[in-house]
Amino acid sequence: MELYYDENLAAQILLNEVLKELKLSGKTEEIVKNSNIERILRKLNRIIKRRYSVVKQGVLKKNIFSILRNDYGIQF
């Protein structure tokens, strides 16, 4: 049985998982420096494509960008 999370919560959990895997703290400066944001987005994209249906992929990506913009102040 698959666990169901709200899309915002799922996006936050996924982002935290990637930050932990890449050994990055949640600080904005560390996320932005040395092209870490590109590494984070590539890793997130690979995980999302592997785990989720096409419909959920769009929602999760939108929520992740929203989290990065609102919580970390990163502009795209």
N, C-alpha and C. Protein backbone atom coordinates (compact mmCIF):
# COMPACT_ATOMS: atom_id res chain seq x y z
N MET A 1 0.84 -1.18 0.00
CA MET A 1 0.00 0.00 0.00
C MET A 1 0.89 1.24 0.00
N GLU A 2 0.55 2.20 -0.83
CA GLU A 2 1.33 3.41 -0.97
C GLU A 2 0.83 4.47 0.02
N LEU A 3 1.77 5.14 0.66
CA LEU A 3 1.40 6.22 1.57
C LEU A 3 0.95 7.43 0.78
N TYR A 4 -0.03 8.14 1.28
CA TYR A 4 -0.50 9.35 0.63
C TYR A 4 -0.11 10.55 1.48
N TYR A 5 0.55 11.50 0.85
CA TYR A 5 0.88 12.76 1.50
C TYR A 5 0.27 13.89 0.68
N ASP A 6 -0.06 14.96 1.34
CA ASP A 6 -0.43 16.17 0.66
C ASP A 6 0.73 16.56 -0.27
N GLU A 7 0.43 17.12 -1.43
CA GLU A 7 1.48 17.43 -2.40
C GLU A 7 2.54 18.38 -1.84
N ASN A 8 2.12 19.36 -1.03
CA ASN A 8 3.10 20.28 -0.44
C ASN A 8 4.02 19.56 0.53
N LEU A 9 3.47 18.69 1.33
CA LEU A 9 4.27 17.92 2.28
C LEU A 9 5.21 16.97 1.53
N ALA A 10 4.70 16.32 0.50
CA ALA A 10 5.53 15.41 -0.30
C ALA A 10 6.69 16.16 -0.94
N ALA A 11 6.44 17.37 -1.43
CA ALA A 11 7.50 18.18 -2.04
C ALA A 11 8.55 18.57 -0.99
N GLN A 12 8.10 18.95 0.20
CA GLN A 12 9.03 19.32 1.26
C GLN A 12 9.87 18.13 1.70
N ILE A 13 9.25 16.97 1.85
CA ILE A 13 9.98 15.75 2.23
C ILE A 13 11.01 15.39 1.18
N LEU A 14 10.62 15.48 -0.08
CA LEU A 14 11.52 15.16 -1.18
C LEU A 14 12.70 16.12 -1.23
N LEU A 15 12.44 17.40 -1.05
CA LEU A 15 13.51 18.40 -1.04
C LEU A 15 14.47 18.14 0.13
N ASN A 16 13.93 17.86 1.31
CA ASN A 16 14.79 17.57 2.46
C ASN A 16 15.62 16.31 2.24
N GLU A 17 15.03 15.32 1.60
CA GLU A 17 15.74 14.07 1.29
C GLU A 17 16.93 14.34 0.37
N VAL A 18 16.72 15.16 -0.65
CA VAL A 18 17.79 15.48 -1.60
C VAL A 18 18.87 16.33 -0.93
N LEU A 19 18.48 17.30 -0.12
CA LEU A 19 19.47 18.12 0.59
C LEU A 19 20.32 17.25 1.51
N LYS A 20 19.70 16.31 2.19
CA LYS A 20 20.44 15.42 3.08
C LYS A 20 21.37 14.52 2.28
N GLU A 21 20.89 13.99 1.16
CA GLU A 21 21.70 13.11 0.33
C GLU A 21 22.91 13.84 -0.26
N LEU A 22 22.72 15.11 -0.61
CA LEU A 22 23.82 15.90 -1.16
C LEU A 22 24.67 16.54 -0.05
N LYS A 23 24.33 16.24 1.20
CA LYS A 23 25.04 16.76 2.37
C LYS A 23 25.07 18.29 2.39
N LEU A 24 23.91 18.88 2.16
CA LEU A 24 23.76 20.33 2.20
C LEU A 24 22.83 20.69 3.35
N SER A 25 23.12 21.80 4.00
CA SER A 25 22.19 22.27 5.03
C SER A 25 21.06 23.01 4.32
N GLY A 26 20.08 23.42 5.04
CA GLY A 26 18.96 24.12 4.46
C GLY A 26 19.18 25.61 4.32
N LYS A 27 20.43 26.06 4.45
CA LYS A 27 20.72 27.50 4.37
C LYS A 27 20.71 27.95 2.92
N THR A 28 20.10 29.11 2.68
CA THR A 28 19.98 29.65 1.33
C THR A 28 21.34 29.83 0.67
N GLU A 29 22.32 30.35 1.41
CA GLU A 29 23.64 30.62 0.84
C GLU A 29 24.27 29.33 0.32
N GLU A 30 24.14 28.26 1.07
CA GLU A 30 24.74 26.99 0.67
C GLU A 30 24.02 26.38 -0.53
N ILE A 31 22.73 26.59 -0.61
CA ILE A 31 21.96 26.06 -1.73
C ILE A 31 22.34 26.78 -3.03
N VAL A 32 22.56 28.08 -2.96
CA VAL A 32 22.81 28.88 -4.15
C VAL A 32 24.26 28.78 -4.63
N LYS A 33 25.22 28.67 -3.72
CA LYS A 33 26.63 28.74 -4.11
C LYS A 33 27.08 27.49 -4.86
N ASN A 34 28.10 27.65 -5.67
CA ASN A 34 28.76 26.56 -6.39
C ASN A 34 27.81 25.69 -7.20
N SER A 35 26.82 26.29 -7.79
CA SER A 35 25.86 25.56 -8.65
C SER A 35 25.11 24.46 -7.92
N ASN A 36 24.99 24.57 -6.62
CA ASN A 36 24.24 23.55 -5.87
C ASN A 36 22.78 23.49 -6.28
N ILE A 37 22.20 24.64 -6.65
CA ILE A 37 20.79 24.65 -7.03
C ILE A 37 20.56 23.78 -8.26
N GLU A 38 21.51 23.81 -9.21
CA GLU A 38 21.38 22.96 -10.40
C GLU A 38 21.47 21.49 -10.03
N ARG A 39 22.40 21.15 -9.15
CA ARG A 39 22.52 19.76 -8.69
C ARG A 39 21.25 19.31 -7.99
N ILE A 40 20.71 20.17 -7.15
CA ILE A 40 19.48 19.85 -6.42
C ILE A 40 18.33 19.61 -7.39
N LEU A 41 18.17 20.51 -8.36
CA LEU A 41 17.06 20.39 -9.30
C LEU A 41 17.20 19.16 -10.20
N ARG A 42 18.42 18.85 -10.64
CA ARG A 42 18.63 17.65 -11.45
C ARG A 42 18.28 16.39 -10.67
N LYS A 43 18.75 16.33 -9.43
CA LYS A 43 18.48 15.16 -8.58
C LYS A 43 16.98 15.02 -8.31
N LEU A 44 16.33 16.14 -7.98
CA LEU A 44 14.89 16.12 -7.75
C LEU A 44 14.14 15.63 -8.99
N ASN A 45 14.54 16.12 -10.15
CA ASN A 45 13.89 15.74 -11.39
C ASN A 45 14.01 14.23 -11.65
N ARG A 46 15.20 13.67 -11.42
CA ARG A 46 15.40 12.24 -11.61
C ARG A 46 14.52 11.42 -10.66
N ILE A 47 14.48 11.83 -9.40
CA ILE A 47 13.67 11.10 -8.42
C ILE A 47 12.19 11.20 -8.75
N ILE A 48 11.73 12.38 -9.10
CA ILE A 48 10.31 12.59 -9.42
C ILE A 48 9.91 11.76 -10.64
N LYS A 49 10.75 11.75 -11.68
CA LYS A 49 10.43 10.96 -12.88
C LYS A 49 10.36 9.47 -12.57
N ARG A 50 11.20 9.01 -11.67
CA ARG A 50 11.26 7.60 -11.33
C ARG A 50 10.08 7.17 -10.45
N ARG A 51 9.67 8.02 -9.52
CA ARG A 51 8.70 7.61 -8.51
C ARG A 51 7.24 7.96 -8.80
N TYR A 52 6.99 9.00 -9.59
CA TYR A 52 5.64 9.53 -9.67
C TYR A 52 5.07 9.51 -11.09
N SER A 53 3.75 9.50 -11.19
CA SER A 53 3.07 9.55 -12.48
C SER A 53 3.25 10.94 -13.08
N VAL A 54 2.95 11.04 -14.37
CA VAL A 54 3.13 12.31 -15.09
C VAL A 54 2.30 13.42 -14.45
N VAL A 55 1.10 13.12 -14.04
CA VAL A 55 0.23 14.13 -13.44
C VAL A 55 0.83 14.65 -12.14
N LYS A 56 1.30 13.76 -11.28
CA LYS A 56 1.89 14.16 -10.00
C LYS A 56 3.22 14.88 -10.20
N GLN A 57 3.95 14.56 -11.27
CA GLN A 57 5.25 15.19 -11.51
C GLN A 57 5.11 16.70 -11.62
N GLY A 58 4.15 17.16 -12.39
CA GLY A 58 3.94 18.60 -12.57
C GLY A 58 3.59 19.29 -11.26
N VAL A 59 2.73 18.68 -10.48
CA VAL A 59 2.31 19.26 -9.20
C VAL A 59 3.49 19.33 -8.24
N LEU A 60 4.26 18.26 -8.15
CA LEU A 60 5.42 18.24 -7.25
C LEU A 60 6.46 19.27 -7.65
N LYS A 61 6.75 19.37 -8.94
CA LYS A 61 7.73 20.35 -9.41
C LYS A 61 7.28 21.77 -9.09
N LYS A 62 6.00 22.05 -9.32
CA LYS A 62 5.46 23.37 -9.01
C LYS A 62 5.60 23.68 -7.53
N ASN A 63 5.29 22.70 -6.69
CA ASN A 63 5.39 22.90 -5.24
C ASN A 63 6.83 23.06 -4.78
N ILE A 64 7.75 22.33 -5.39
CA ILE A 64 9.16 22.47 -5.02
C ILE A 64 9.67 23.85 -5.38
N PHE A 65 9.33 24.34 -6.58
CA PHE A 65 9.74 25.70 -6.96
C PHE A 65 9.12 26.72 -6.01
N SER A 66 7.88 26.49 -5.61
CA SER A 66 7.22 27.39 -4.67
C SER A 66 7.93 27.40 -3.32
N ILE A 67 8.33 26.23 -2.83
CA ILE A 67 9.06 26.14 -1.56
C ILE A 67 10.39 26.86 -1.66
N LEU A 68 11.12 26.62 -2.74
CA LEU A 68 12.42 27.27 -2.91
C LEU A 68 12.27 28.79 -2.99
N ARG A 69 11.22 29.25 -3.66
CA ARG A 69 10.99 30.68 -3.80
C ARG A 69 10.55 31.30 -2.47
N ASN A 70 9.59 30.69 -1.81
CA ASN A 70 9.01 31.28 -0.59
C ASN A 70 9.86 31.07 0.65
N ASP A 71 10.38 29.87 0.86
CA ASP A 71 11.11 29.56 2.08
C ASP A 71 12.59 29.94 2.01
N TYR A 72 13.17 29.83 0.82
CA TYR A 72 14.61 30.09 0.69
C TYR A 72 14.92 31.38 -0.05
N GLY A 73 13.92 32.04 -0.62
CA GLY A 73 14.12 33.31 -1.30
C GLY A 73 14.86 33.19 -2.62
N ILE A 74 14.82 32.03 -3.25
CA ILE A 74 15.52 31.82 -4.51
C ILE A 74 14.60 32.20 -5.66
N GLN A 75 15.08 33.07 -6.54
CA GLN A 75 14.29 33.51 -7.69
C GLN A 75 14.74 32.77 -8.94
N PHE A 76 13.79 32.36 -9.75
CA PHE A 76 14.09 31.63 -10.98
C PHE A 76 13.79 32.49 -12.18
